[in-house]
């Protein structure tokens, strides 16, 4: 079995597992053609979108789902992730009720505050 990759940016591959990278953003159509020992072949294509820098993913967990008035509720943003090669440099927390912003990875907010 032979493998022929066309990565849509002018680069190619000839092995079963292949990879490429590009310095230009855009939409690329990657095509794989496989050929068997009887010279029969089949192809499939998929589109890959390349962006300059993907945005970070914001995630947080809360320790309590329900809290009493004046009880502290803890939020943790440790599940947030940055793009490969990037790092998160700031966390901004805003509560709709209090309208406060606190730059912290772990924020204490007063329930009912």
Foldseek 3Di string as FASTA:
>chain_A
DWKWKDFQPRDIDIDPDDDDDDQDWDKGKMKMWDADPVRDIDMDIDIDTDDNFDAKAWDKDKPDPDDDAQDKIKIARPVIGGTVPDDDDWDWDADPQVRDIDTDRMDIDGVVD
